[in-house]
PDB file of N, CA and C in Angstrom:
ATOM      1  N   MET A   1      -1.960  12.856  -0.015  1.00  0.00           N
ATOM      2  CA  MET A   1      -0.402  11.910   0.092  1.00  0.00           C
ATOM      3  C   MET A   1      -0.308  10.677  -1.070  1.00  0.00           C
ATOM      4  N   SER A   2       0.222  10.325  -1.776  1.00  0.00           N
ATOM      5  CA  SER A   2       0.611   9.317  -2.878  1.00  0.00           C
ATOM      6  C   SER A   2       1.073   7.688  -2.022  1.00  0.00           C
ATOM      7  N   GLU A   3       0.959   7.340  -3.234  1.00  0.00           N
ATOM      8  CA  GLU A   3       1.195   5.496  -2.476  1.00  0.00           C
ATOM      9  C   GLU A   3       2.762   5.696  -2.547  1.00  0.00           C
ATOM     10  N   ASP A   4       3.401   6.412  -3.090  1.00  0.00           N
ATOM     11  CA  ASP A   4       5.030   6.241  -3.296  1.00  0.00           C
ATOM     12  C   ASP A   4       5.429   7.152  -1.741  1.00  0.00           C
ATOM     13  N   THR A   5       4.811   8.169  -1.468  1.00  0.00           N
ATOM     14  CA  THR A   5       4.996   8.895  -0.422  1.00  0.00           C
ATOM     15  C   THR A   5       4.411   7.737   0.928  1.00  0.00           C
ATOM     16  N   SER A   6       3.668   7.465   1.179  1.00  0.00           N
ATOM     17  CA  SER A   6       3.451   6.086   1.974  1.00  0.00           C
ATOM     18  C   SER A   6       4.609   5.322   1.884  1.00  0.00           C
ATOM     19  N   ASN A   7       4.747   4.339   0.987  1.00  0.00           N
ATOM     20  CA  ASN A   7       5.297   3.514   0.849  1.00  0.00           C
ATOM     21  C   ASN A   7       6.621   3.689   1.251  1.00  0.00           C
ATOM     22  N   SER A   8       7.183   5.149   1.422  1.00  0.00           N
ATOM     23  CA  SER A   8       8.563   5.965   1.455  1.00  0.00           C
ATOM     24  C   SER A   8       8.555   5.925   3.110  1.00  0.00           C
ATOM     25  N   ALA A   9       7.214   6.726   3.726  1.00  0.00           N
ATOM     26  CA  ALA A   9       7.201   6.529   5.116  1.00  0.00           C
ATOM     27  C   ALA A   9       7.213   5.000   5.948  1.00  0.00           C
ATOM     28  N   ALA A  10       6.826   4.328   5.344  1.00  0.00           N
ATOM     29  CA  ALA A  10       6.750   2.777   5.859  1.00  0.00           C
ATOM     30  C   ALA A  10       8.330   2.279   5.712  1.00  0.00           C
ATOM     31  N   ARG A  11       8.833   2.321   4.565  1.00  0.00           N
ATOM     32  CA  ARG A  11      10.323   2.139   4.436  1.00  0.00           C
ATOM     33  C   ARG A  11      10.963   2.952   5.710  1.00  0.00           C
ATOM     34  N   LYS A  12      10.761   4.133   5.759  1.00  0.00           N
ATOM     35  CA  LYS A  12      11.926   4.632   6.839  1.00  0.00           C
ATOM     36  C   LYS A  12      11.337   4.491   8.243  1.00  0.00           C
ATOM     37  N   PHE A  13      10.048   4.149   8.358  1.00  0.00           N
ATOM     38  CA  PHE A  13       9.573   3.786   9.727  1.00  0.00           C
ATOM     39  C   PHE A  13      10.620   2.139  10.067  1.00  0.00           C
ATOM     40  N   ILE A  14      10.884   1.158   9.230  1.00  0.00           N
ATOM     41  CA  ILE A  14      10.995   0.182   9.388  1.00  0.00           C
ATOM     42  C   ILE A  14      12.768  -0.077   9.408  1.00  0.00           C
ATOM     43  N   GLU A  15      13.270   0.789   8.702  1.00  0.00           N
ATOM     44  CA  GLU A  15      14.800   1.132   8.574  1.00  0.00           C
ATOM     45  C   GLU A  15      15.313   1.720  10.173  1.00  0.00           C
ATOM     46  N   ALA A  16      14.672   2.979  10.294  1.00  0.00           N
ATOM     47  CA  ALA A  16      14.990   3.619  11.306  1.00  0.00           C
ATOM     48  C   ALA A  16      14.757   3.166  12.619  1.00  0.00           C
ATOM     49  N   ASN A  17      14.019   1.595  12.436  1.00  0.00           N
ATOM     50  CA  ASN A  17      13.515   0.970  14.084  1.00  0.00           C
ATOM     51  C   ASN A  17      14.384  -0.071  13.973  1.00  0.00           C
ATOM     52  N   LYS A  18      15.217  -0.631  12.756  1.00  0.00           N
ATOM     53  CA  LYS A  18      15.730  -1.592  12.190  1.00  0.00           C
ATOM     54  C   LYS A  18      14.822  -3.242  12.739  1.00  0.00           C
ATOM     55  N   LEU A  19      13.835  -2.912  11.872  1.00  0.00           N
ATOM     56  CA  LEU A  19      12.608  -4.024  12.271  1.00  0.00           C
ATOM     57  C   LEU A  19      12.470  -5.025  11.478  1.00  0.00           C
ATOM     58  N   MET A  20      13.709  -5.117  10.372  1.00  0.00           N
ATOM     59  CA  MET A  20      13.765  -6.251   9.218  1.00  0.00           C
ATOM     60  C   MET A  20      14.938  -7.083   9.837  1.00  0.00           C
ATOM     61  N   ASP A  21      14.528  -8.474  10.323  1.00  0.00           N
ATOM     62  CA  ASP A  21      15.576  -9.307  10.442  1.00  0.00           C
ATOM     63  C   ASP A  21      16.195 -10.168   9.316  1.00  0.00           C
ATOM     64  N   LYS A  22      17.338 -10.952   9.517  1.00  0.00           N
ATOM     65  CA  LYS A  22      17.927 -11.389   8.532  1.00  0.00           C
ATOM     66  C   LYS A  22      17.482 -12.346   7.250  1.00  0.00           C
ATOM     67  N   TYR A  23      16.152 -12.225   7.491  1.00  0.00           N
ATOM     68  CA  TYR A  23      15.366 -13.168   6.384  1.00  0.00           C
ATOM     69  C   TYR A  23      14.336 -12.144   5.847  1.00  0.00           C
ATOM     70  N   SER A  24      14.418 -11.049   6.068  1.00  0.00           N
ATOM     71  CA  SER A  24      13.626  -9.912   5.584  1.00  0.00           C
ATOM     72  C   SER A  24      12.287 -10.084   6.236  1.00  0.00           C
ATOM     73  N   ASN A  25      12.049 -10.582   7.512  1.00  0.00           N
ATOM     74  CA  ASN A  25      10.665 -10.568   7.857  1.00  0.00           C
ATOM     75  C   ASN A  25      10.707  -9.153   8.820  1.00  0.00           C
ATOM     76  N   ILE A  26       9.687  -9.077   9.004  1.00  0.00           N
ATOM     77  CA  ILE A  26       9.311  -7.387   9.420  1.00  0.00           C
ATOM     78  C   ILE A  26       8.470  -7.567  10.629  1.00  0.00           C
ATOM     79  N   VAL A  27       8.257  -8.210  11.435  1.00  0.00           N
ATOM     80  CA  VAL A  27       7.153  -8.483  12.768  1.00  0.00           C
ATOM     81  C   VAL A  27       7.992  -7.785  13.882  1.00  0.00           C
ATOM     82  N   PHE A  28       7.406  -6.988  14.446  1.00  0.00           N
ATOM     83  CA  PHE A  28       7.602  -6.395  15.835  1.00  0.00           C
ATOM     84  C   PHE A  28       6.453  -5.787  16.650  1.00  0.00           C
ATOM     85  N   LYS A  29       6.765  -5.445  17.975  1.00  0.00           N
ATOM     86  CA  LYS A  29       5.416  -5.280  19.411  1.00  0.00           C
ATOM     87  C   LYS A  29       5.262  -3.369  18.916  1.00  0.00           C
ATOM     88  N   GLY A  30       4.584  -3.260  18.872  1.00  0.00           N
ATOM     89  CA  GLY A  30       3.960  -1.795  18.716  1.00  0.00           C
ATOM     90  C   GLY A  30       3.226  -1.468  19.942  1.00  0.00           C
ATOM     91  N   ASP A  31       3.052  -0.220  20.165  1.00  0.00           N
ATOM     92  CA  ASP A  31       1.971   0.465  21.469  1.00  0.00           C
ATOM     93  C   ASP A  31       0.876   1.085  20.355  1.00  0.00           C
ATOM     94  N   VAL A  32      -0.288   0.355  20.271  1.00  0.00           N
ATOM     95  CA  VAL A  32      -0.958   0.700  18.967  1.00  0.00           C
ATOM     96  C   VAL A  32      -1.850   1.790  19.692  1.00  0.00           C
ATOM     97  N   THR A  33      -2.304   2.869  19.186  1.00  0.00           N
ATOM     98  CA  THR A  33      -3.913   4.172  19.555  1.00  0.00           C
ATOM     99  C   THR A  33      -4.048   3.930  18.177  1.00  0.00           C
ATOM    100  N   ILE A  34      -5.457   3.638  18.278  1.00  0.00           N
ATOM    101  CA  ILE A  34      -6.639   4.021  16.996  1.00  0.00           C
ATOM    102  C   ILE A  34      -7.527   5.094  17.506  1.00  0.00           C
ATOM    103  N   GLU A  35      -7.921   5.963  16.745  1.00  0.00           N
ATOM    104  CA  GLU A  35      -8.921   7.188  16.924  1.00  0.00           C
ATOM    105  C   GLU A  35      -9.867   6.964  15.940  1.00  0.00           C
ATOM    106  N   THR A  36     -11.025   6.992  15.939  1.00  0.00           N
ATOM    107  CA  THR A  36     -11.810   6.540  15.048  1.00  0.00           C
ATOM    108  C   THR A  36     -13.173   7.790  15.355  1.00  0.00           C
ATOM    109  N   GLU A  37     -13.669   8.480  13.833  1.00  0.00           N
ATOM    110  CA  GLU A  37     -15.069   9.095  14.014  1.00  0.00           C
ATOM    111  C   GLU A  37     -16.128   8.791  15.183  1.00  0.00           C
ATOM    112  N   HIS A  38     -16.639   7.515  15.375  1.00  0.00           N
ATOM    113  CA  HIS A  38     -17.432   7.130  16.129  1.00  0.00           C
ATOM    114  C   HIS A  38     -17.213   6.227  17.494  1.00  0.00           C
ATOM    115  N   SER A  39     -16.239   5.914  17.675  1.00  0.00           N
ATOM    116  CA  SER A  39     -15.779   4.997  19.028  1.00  0.00           C
ATOM    117  C   SER A  39     -14.743   5.798  19.875  1.00  0.00           C
ATOM    118  N   HIS A  40     -14.615   5.455  20.987  1.00  0.00           N
ATOM    119  CA  HIS A  40     -13.762   5.898  22.050  1.00  0.00           C
ATOM    120  C   HIS A  40     -12.244   5.175  21.592  1.00  0.00           C
ATOM    121  N   PRO A  41     -11.293   6.137  21.749  1.00  0.00           N
ATOM    122  CA  PRO A  41      -9.650   5.642  20.980  1.00  0.00           C
ATOM    123  C   PRO A  41      -9.440   4.328  21.837  1.00  0.00           C
ATOM    124  N   TYR A  42      -8.899   3.212  21.417  1.00  0.00           N
ATOM    125  CA  TYR A  42      -8.389   2.078  21.355  1.00  0.00           C
ATOM    126  C   TYR A  42      -6.900   2.209  21.652  1.00  0.00           C
ATOM    127  N   ASN A  43      -6.249   1.596  22.562  1.00  0.00           N
ATOM    128  CA  ASN A  43      -4.848   1.500  22.779  1.00  0.00           C
ATOM    129  C   ASN A  43      -4.409   0.360  23.383  1.00  0.00           C
ATOM    130  N   GLY A  44      -3.364  -0.507  22.874  1.00  0.00           N
ATOM    131  CA  GLY A  44      -3.074  -1.667  23.322  1.00  0.00           C
ATOM    132  C   GLY A  44      -1.494  -2.198  22.725  1.00  0.00           C
ATOM    133  N   VAL A  45      -0.779  -2.850  23.523  1.00  0.00           N
ATOM    134  CA  VAL A  45       0.110  -3.507  23.084  1.00  0.00           C
ATOM    135  C   VAL A  45      -0.296  -4.287  21.901  1.00  0.00           C
ATOM    136  N   HIS A  46       0.660  -4.436  20.572  1.00  0.00           N
ATOM    137  CA  HIS A  46       0.158  -6.176  19.825  1.00  0.00           C
ATOM    138  C   HIS A  46       1.447  -5.627  19.089  1.00  0.00           C
ATOM    139  N   LYS A  47       1.406  -7.218  18.357  1.00  0.00           N
ATOM    140  CA  LYS A  47       2.298  -7.674  17.519  1.00  0.00           C
ATOM    141  C   LYS A  47       1.704  -7.138  16.037  1.00  0.00           C
ATOM    142  N   LEU A  48       2.689  -6.989  15.407  1.00  0.00           N
ATOM    143  CA  LEU A  48       2.392  -5.919  13.950  1.00  0.00           C
ATOM    144  C   LEU A  48       3.227  -6.637  12.968  1.00  0.00           C
ATOM    145  N   ARG A  49       2.821  -6.717  11.939  1.00  0.00           N
ATOM    146  CA  ARG A  49       3.739  -7.374  10.661  1.00  0.00           C
ATOM    147  C   ARG A  49       3.966  -6.634   9.341  1.00  0.00           C
ATOM    148  N   PHE A  50       4.494  -6.581   8.793  1.00  0.00           N
ATOM    149  CA  PHE A  50       4.521  -5.516   7.434  1.00  0.00           C
ATOM    150  C   PHE A  50       4.902  -6.969   6.527  1.00  0.00           C
ATOM    151  N   HIS A  51       3.966  -6.606   5.452  1.00  0.00           N
ATOM    152  CA  HIS A  51       4.646  -7.621   4.621  1.00  0.00           C
ATOM    153  C   HIS A  51       4.216  -6.817   2.943  1.00  0.00           C
ATOM    154  N   ASN A  52       4.302  -6.964   1.811  1.00  0.00           N
ATOM    155  CA  ASN A  52       3.959  -7.016   0.799  1.00  0.00           C
ATOM    156  C   ASN A  52       2.972  -7.797  -0.012  1.00  0.00           C
ATOM    157  N   GLU A  53       2.186  -6.921  -0.781  1.00  0.00           N
ATOM    158  CA  GLU A  53       1.282  -7.067  -1.632  1.00  0.00           C
ATOM    159  C   GLU A  53       1.044  -6.216  -2.813  1.00  0.00           C
ATOM    160  N   HIS A  54       0.652  -7.573  -3.979  1.00  0.00           N
ATOM    161  CA  HIS A  54       0.528  -6.460  -5.786  1.00  0.00           C
ATOM    162  C   HIS A  54       1.922  -5.566  -5.713  1.00  0.00           C
ATOM    163  N   TYR A  55       3.235  -6.349  -5.370  1.00  0.00           N
ATOM    164  CA  TYR A  55       4.146  -6.155  -5.952  1.00  0.00           C
ATOM    165  C   TYR A  55       4.664  -5.018  -4.924  1.00  0.00           C
ATOM    166  N   SER A  56       4.354  -3.338  -4.855  1.00  0.00           N
ATOM    167  CA  SER A  56       5.095  -2.586  -4.228  1.00  0.00           C
ATOM    168  C   SER A  56       4.147  -2.332  -3.387  1.00  0.00           C
ATOM    169  N   ALA A  57       2.664  -2.778  -2.981  1.00  0.00           N
ATOM    170  CA  ALA A  57       2.285  -1.907  -1.965  1.00  0.00           C
ATOM    171  C   ALA A  57       2.621  -2.272  -0.460  1.00  0.00           C
ATOM    172  N   ASN A  58       3.001  -1.862   0.584  1.00  0.00           N
ATOM    173  CA  ASN A  58       3.524  -2.259   1.818  1.00  0.00           C
ATOM    174  C   ASN A  58       1.714  -2.645   2.828  1.00  0.00           C
ATOM    175  N   VAL A  59       1.806  -3.567   3.446  1.00  0.00           N
ATOM    176  CA  VAL A  59       0.726  -4.056   4.318  1.00  0.00           C
ATOM    177  C   VAL A  59       0.953  -3.880   5.572  1.00  0.00           C
ATOM    178  N   LEU A  60       0.274  -3.279   6.408  1.00  0.00           N
ATOM    179  CA  LEU A  60       0.757  -3.760   7.925  1.00  0.00           C
ATOM    180  C   LEU A  60      -0.496  -4.021   8.683  1.00  0.00           C
ATOM    181  N   ASP A  61      -0.524  -5.401   9.077  1.00  0.00           N
ATOM    182  CA  ASP A  61      -1.507  -6.249   9.783  1.00  0.00           C
ATOM    183  C   ASP A  61      -1.282  -5.705  11.494  1.00  0.00           C
ATOM    184  N   ILE A  62      -1.990  -5.261  12.189  1.00  0.00           N
ATOM    185  CA  ILE A  62      -2.314  -6.005  13.628  1.00  0.00           C
ATOM    186  C   ILE A  62      -2.463  -7.522  13.847  1.00  0.00           C
ATOM    187  N   HIS A  63      -1.086  -8.185  13.678  1.00  0.00           N
ATOM    188  CA  HIS A  63      -1.237  -9.514  14.246  1.00  0.00           C
ATOM    189  C   HIS A  63      -2.220 -10.176  15.129  1.00  0.00           C
ATOM    190  N   ASP A  64      -1.560  -9.801  15.712  1.00  0.00           N
ATOM    191  CA  ASP A  64      -2.877 -10.584  17.393  1.00  0.00           C
ATOM    192  C   ASP A  64      -3.737  -9.485  17.366  1.00  0.00           C
ATOM    193  N   SER A  65      -4.921  -9.119  16.651  1.00  0.00           N
ATOM    194  CA  SER A  65      -5.898  -8.319  16.836  1.00  0.00           C
ATOM    195  C   SER A  65      -7.039  -8.987  17.214  1.00  0.00           C
ATOM    196  N   ASP A  66      -7.161 -10.179  17.817  1.00  0.00           N
ATOM    197  CA  ASP A  66      -8.206 -10.901  18.306  1.00  0.00           C
ATOM    198  C   ASP A  66      -9.235 -10.191  19.569  1.00  0.00           C
ATOM    199  N   THR A  67      -8.010  -9.138  20.009  1.00  0.00           N
ATOM    200  CA  THR A  67      -8.686  -8.361  21.190  1.00  0.00           C
ATOM    201  C   THR A  67      -9.226  -7.096  20.806  1.00  0.00           C
ATOM    202  N   ILE A  68      -9.244  -7.116  19.588  1.00  0.00           N
ATOM    203  CA  ILE A  68      -9.913  -5.468  19.287  1.00  0.00           C
ATOM    204  C   ILE A  68     -11.181  -6.218  18.366  1.00  0.00           C
ATOM    205  N   ASN A  69     -11.774  -4.943  18.672  1.00  0.00           N
ATOM    206  CA  ASN A  69     -13.620  -5.256  17.922  1.00  0.00           C
ATOM    207  C   ASN A  69     -13.314  -4.614  16.395  1.00  0.00           C
ATOM    208  N   LYS A  70     -13.273  -5.678  15.431  1.00  0.00           N
ATOM    209  CA  LYS A  70     -12.973  -5.527  14.046  1.00  0.00           C
ATOM    210  C   LYS A  70     -14.387  -4.430  13.480  1.00  0.00           C
ATOM    211  N   PHE A  71     -15.355  -4.413  14.462  1.00  0.00           N
ATOM    212  CA  PHE A  71     -16.450  -3.472  13.797  1.00  0.00           C
ATOM    213  C   PHE A  71     -16.471  -2.394  14.264  1.00  0.00           C
ATOM    214  N   LYS A  72     -15.573  -1.616  14.790  1.00  0.00           N
ATOM    215  CA  LYS A  72     -15.169  -0.323  15.685  1.00  0.00           C
ATOM    216  C   LYS A  72     -13.710   0.432  15.051  1.00  0.00           C
ATOM    217  N   TYR A  73     -12.731  -1.060  15.064  1.00  0.00           N
ATOM    218  CA  TYR A  73     -11.650   0.075  15.029  1.00  0.00           C
ATOM    219  C   TYR A  73     -10.956  -1.154  13.344  1.00  0.00           C
ATOM    220  N   PRO A  74     -10.089  -0.227  12.546  1.00  0.00           N
ATOM    221  CA  PRO A  74      -9.635  -1.178  11.638  1.00  0.00           C
ATOM    222  C   PRO A  74      -8.147  -1.866  11.851  1.00  0.00           C
ATOM    223  N   THR A  75      -8.058  -2.939  11.110  1.00  0.00           N
ATOM    224  CA  THR A  75      -6.651  -4.014  11.865  1.00  0.00           C
ATOM    225  C   THR A  75      -5.676  -4.343  10.563  1.00  0.00           C
ATOM    226  N   ASN A  76      -5.940  -3.713   9.632  1.00  0.00           N
ATOM    227  CA  ASN A  76      -5.497  -4.012   8.274  1.00  0.00           C
ATOM    228  C   ASN A  76      -5.238  -2.290   7.493  1.00  0.00           C
ATOM    229  N   PHE A  77      -3.785  -2.601   7.170  1.00  0.00           N
ATOM    230  CA  PHE A  77      -3.535  -1.274   6.724  1.00  0.00           C
ATOM    231  C   PHE A  77      -2.793  -1.434   5.774  1.00  0.00           C
ATOM    232  N   GLN A  78      -3.260  -0.512   4.055  1.00  0.00           N
ATOM    233  CA  GLN A  78      -2.047  -0.382   2.977  1.00  0.00           C
ATOM    234  C   GLN A  78      -1.711   0.651   2.194  1.00  0.00           C
ATOM    235  N   THR A  79      -0.640   0.758   2.158  1.00  0.00           N
ATOM    236  CA  THR A  79      -0.423   2.113   2.063  1.00  0.00           C
ATOM    237  C   THR A  79      -0.463   2.657   0.438  1.00  0.00           C
ATOM    238  N   VAL A  80      -1.497   1.760  -0.524  1.00  0.00           N
ATOM    239  CA  VAL A  80      -2.356   1.973  -1.861  1.00  0.00           C
ATOM    240  C   VAL A  80      -3.671   3.093  -1.495  1.00  0.00           C
ATOM    241  N   TYR A  81      -4.100   2.644  -0.010  1.00  0.00           N
ATOM    242  CA  TYR A  81      -5.754   3.201   0.331  1.00  0.00           C
ATOM    243  C   TYR A  81      -5.339   4.139   1.630  1.00  0.00           C
ATOM    244  N   GLN A  82      -4.362   3.960   2.723  1.00  0.00           N
ATOM    245  CA  GLN A  82      -4.073   4.616   3.659  1.00  0.00           C
ATOM    246  C   GLN A  82      -2.778   5.711   3.453  1.00  0.00           C
ATOM    247  N   GLU A  83      -2.900   6.996   4.571  1.00  0.00           N
ATOM    248  CA  GLU A  83      -1.764   7.465   4.241  1.00  0.00           C
ATOM    249  C   GLU A  83      -0.835   7.401   5.602  1.00  0.00           C
ATOM    250  N   TYR A  84       0.647   6.916   5.376  1.00  0.00           N
ATOM    251  CA  TYR A  84       1.538   6.736   6.254  1.00  0.00           C
ATOM    252  C   TYR A  84       2.482   7.601   6.319  1.00  0.00           C
ATOM    253  N   SER A  85       2.737   8.195   7.285  1.00  0.00           N
ATOM    254  CA  SER A  85       3.739   9.580   7.795  1.00  0.00           C
ATOM    255  C   SER A  85       4.503   9.238   9.331  1.00  0.00           C
ATOM    256  N   ILE A  86       5.362   9.712   9.210  1.00  0.00           N
ATOM    257  CA  ILE A  86       6.145   9.418  10.494  1.00  0.00           C
ATOM    258  C   ILE A  86       6.193  11.091  11.483  1.00  0.00           C
ATOM    259  N   ASN A  87       5.317  10.832  12.814  1.00  0.00           N
ATOM    260  CA  ASN A  87       5.561  12.353  13.634  1.00  0.00           C
ATOM    261  C   ASN A  87       6.541  12.612  14.226  1.00  0.00           C
ATOM    262  N   ASN A  88       6.764  13.473  15.106  1.00  0.00           N
ATOM    263  CA  ASN A  88       8.115  14.256  15.342  1.00  0.00           C
ATOM    264  C   ASN A  88       8.716  13.139  16.285  1.00  0.00           C
ATOM    265  N   ASP A  89       7.804  12.107  16.855  1.00  0.00           N
ATOM    266  CA  ASP A  89       8.529  11.319  18.130  1.00  0.00           C
ATOM    267  C   ASP A  89       9.178  10.208  17.135  1.00  0.00           C
ATOM    268  N   GLY A  90       8.921  10.048  15.976  1.00  0.00           N
ATOM    269  CA  GLY A  90       9.461   8.656  15.228  1.00  0.00           C
ATOM    270  C   GLY A  90       8.590   7.642  15.591  1.00  0.00           C
ATOM    271  N   ASP A  91       7.294   7.656  15.580  1.00  0.00           N
ATOM    272  CA  ASP A  91       6.186   7.033  15.126  1.00  0.00           C
ATOM    273  C   ASP A  91       5.559   7.014  14.197  1.00  0.00           C
ATOM    274  N   LEU A  92       4.689   5.736  13.466  1.00  0.00           N
ATOM    275  CA  LEU A  92       4.464   5.731  12.357  1.00  0.00           C
ATOM    276  C   LEU A  92       2.819   5.841  12.393  1.00  0.00           C
ATOM    277  N   VAL A  93       2.462   7.299  11.705  1.00  0.00           N
ATOM    278  CA  VAL A  93       1.140   7.561  11.972  1.00  0.00           C
ATOM    279  C   VAL A  93       0.413   6.942  10.463  1.00  0.00           C
ATOM    280  N   ILE A  94      -0.763   6.620  10.500  1.00  0.00           N
ATOM    281  CA  ILE A  94      -1.434   5.980   9.283  1.00  0.00           C
ATOM    282  C   ILE A  94      -2.785   6.721   9.507  1.00  0.00           C
ATOM    283  N   THR A  95      -3.255   7.143   8.550  1.00  0.00           N
ATOM    284  CA  THR A  95      -5.008   8.059   8.776  1.00  0.00           C
ATOM    285  C   THR A  95      -5.511   7.307   7.218  1.00  0.00           C
ATOM    286  N   GLY A  96      -6.581   7.560   7.385  1.00  0.00           N
ATOM    287  CA  GLY A  96      -7.750   6.805   6.513  1.00  0.00           C
ATOM    288  C   GLY A  96      -9.499   6.779   6.899  1.00  0.00           C
ATOM    289  N   GLU A  97     -10.180   6.477   5.981  1.00  0.00           N
ATOM    290  CA  GLU A  97     -11.499   6.193   6.323  1.00  0.00           C
ATOM    291  C   GLU A  97     -11.729   5.215   5.814  1.00  0.00           C
ATOM    292  N   HIS A  98     -12.502   4.231   6.641  1.00  0.00           N
ATOM    293  CA  HIS A  98     -13.386   2.804   5.930  1.00  0.00           C
ATOM    294  C   HIS A  98     -15.027   3.128   5.563  1.00  0.00           C
ATOM    295  N   THR A  99     -14.790   3.268   4.119  1.00  0.00           N
ATOM    296  CA  THR A  99     -15.994   3.301   3.443  1.00  0.00           C
ATOM    297  C   THR A  99     -16.658   2.187   3.745  1.00  0.00           C
ATOM    298  N   ASP A 100     -16.252   0.933   3.707  1.00  0.00           N
ATOM    299  CA  ASP A 100     -16.844   0.002   3.959  1.00  0.00           C
ATOM    300  C   ASP A 100     -18.174   0.063   4.917  1.00  0.00           C
ATOM    301  N   ASN A 101     -17.246   0.540   6.244  1.00  0.00           N
ATOM    302  CA  ASN A 101     -17.893   0.186   7.738  1.00  0.00           C
ATOM    303  C   ASN A 101     -18.164   1.622   8.160  1.00  0.00           C
ATOM    304  N   PRO A 102     -19.448   2.448   8.321  1.00  0.00           N
ATOM    305  CA  PRO A 102     -19.592   3.688   8.627  1.00  0.00           C
ATOM    306  C   PRO A 102     -19.395   3.835  10.136  1.00  0.00           C
ATOM    307  N   LYS A 103     -19.146   2.525  10.564  1.00  0.00           N
ATOM    308  CA  LYS A 103     -18.810   2.645  11.971  1.00  0.00           C
ATOM    309  C   LYS A 103     -17.718   3.407  12.524  1.00  0.00           C
ATOM    310  N   ILE A 104     -16.515   2.978  11.605  1.00  0.00           N
ATOM    311  CA  ILE A 104     -15.266   3.047  11.553  1.00  0.00           C
ATOM    312  C   ILE A 104     -15.479   4.513  11.205  1.00  0.00           C
ATOM    313  N   GLY A 105     -15.728   4.955   9.827  1.00  0.00           N
ATOM    314  CA  GLY A 105     -15.445   6.131   9.382  1.00  0.00           C
ATOM    315  C   GLY A 105     -13.909   6.467   9.314  1.00  0.00           C
ATOM    316  N   LYS A 106     -13.641   7.677   9.585  1.00  0.00           N
ATOM    317  CA  LYS A 106     -12.363   8.319   9.633  1.00  0.00           C
ATOM    318  C   LYS A 106     -11.048   7.962  10.465  1.00  0.00           C
ATOM    319  N   TYR A 107     -10.075   7.445  10.328  1.00  0.00           N
ATOM    320  CA  TYR A 107      -9.496   6.848  11.946  1.00  0.00           C
ATOM    321  C   TYR A 107      -7.696   7.802  11.412  1.00  0.00           C
ATOM    322  N   THR A 108      -7.516   7.447  12.407  1.00  0.00           N
ATOM    323  CA  THR A 108      -5.954   7.890  12.939  1.00  0.00           C
ATOM    324  C   THR A 108      -5.278   6.733  13.855  1.00  0.00           C
ATOM    325  N   VAL A 109      -3.967   6.197  13.434  1.00  0.00           N
ATOM    326  CA  VAL A 109      -3.398   5.020  13.776  1.00  0.00           C
ATOM    327  C   VAL A 109      -2.265   5.275  14.380  1.00  0.00           C
ATOM    328  N   THR A 110      -1.505   5.277  15.536  1.00  0.00           N
ATOM    329  CA  THR A 110      -0.282   5.644  15.832  1.00  0.00           C
ATOM    330  C   THR A 110       0.242   4.437  16.359  1.00  0.00           C
ATOM    331  N   ILE A 111       1.468   4.414  15.899  1.00  0.00           N
ATOM    332  CA  ILE A 111       2.093   3.161  15.953  1.00  0.00           C
ATOM    333  C   ILE A 111       3.470   3.382  16.599  1.00  0.00           C
ATOM    334  N   THR A 112       3.785   3.329  18.067  1.00  0.00           N
ATOM    335  CA  THR A 112       5.027   3.294  18.409  1.00  0.00           C
ATOM    336  C   THR A 112       5.879   1.834  18.452  1.00  0.00           C
ATOM    337  N   GLN A 113       6.941   2.069  18.027  1.00  0.00           N
ATOM    338  CA  GLN A 113       7.598   0.621  18.292  1.00  0.00           C
ATOM    339  C   GLN A 113       8.239  -0.039  19.402  1.00  0.00           C
ATOM    340  N   LEU A 114       7.877  -1.163  19.791  1.00  0.00           N
ATOM    341  CA  LEU A 114       8.701  -1.541  20.726  1.00  0.00           C
ATOM    342  C   LEU A 114       9.605  -2.809  20.393  1.00  0.00           C
ATOM    343  N   GLY A 115      10.186  -2.934  19.740  1.00  0.00           N
ATOM    344  CA  GLY A 115      11.564  -3.713  19.103  1.00  0.00           C
ATOM    345  C   GLY A 115      10.349  -4.677  18.324  1.00  0.00           C
ATOM    346  N   ARG A 116      11.525  -5.497  17.658  1.00  0.00           N
ATOM    347  CA  ARG A 116      11.702  -6.887  16.783  1.00  0.00           C
ATOM    348  C   ARG A 116      10.914  -8.261  17.755  1.00  0.00           C
ATOM    349  N   THR A 117      10.088  -8.617  17.214  1.00  0.00           N
ATOM    350  CA  THR A 117       9.712 -10.171  17.273  1.00  0.00           C
ATOM    351  C   THR A 117       9.227 -11.144  16.657  1.00  0.00           C
ATOM    352  N   LYS A 118       8.765 -12.091  17.158  1.00  0.00           N
ATOM    353  CA  LYS A 118       8.739 -13.458  16.152  1.00  0.00           C
ATOM    354  C   LYS A 118       7.231 -13.661  16.087  1.00  0.00           C
ATOM    355  N   LEU A 119       6.767 -14.013  14.787  1.00  0.00           N
ATOM    356  CA  LEU A 119       5.196 -14.660  14.733  1.00  0.00           C
ATOM    357  C   LEU A 119       4.877 -15.637  15.200  1.00  0.00           C
TER     358      LEU A 119
END
């Protein structure tokens, strides 16, 4: 999957769920499930934020990720490095491989939006 396809999926998710406020901020609550090669699945409700970096790359951060073990689970996702898609339920699905941390390895993140919020 290309960066353009991942950016397109990110945009579709944002637009379909009306996540952008009048100031172009994209902050929302989401039910986050993270499955990795080497850890038990993680699930929790978190505040998430989309922002742009390097002109066209969309970045999604789990903004309140202090309860997530970052040595076991990824918390930052860029369309240039991960594959974004939308599943049949309208959830955002991000797949990738954490090459810097073999304890994470390949992973899939599924995000169900629960509505806009503020930082």
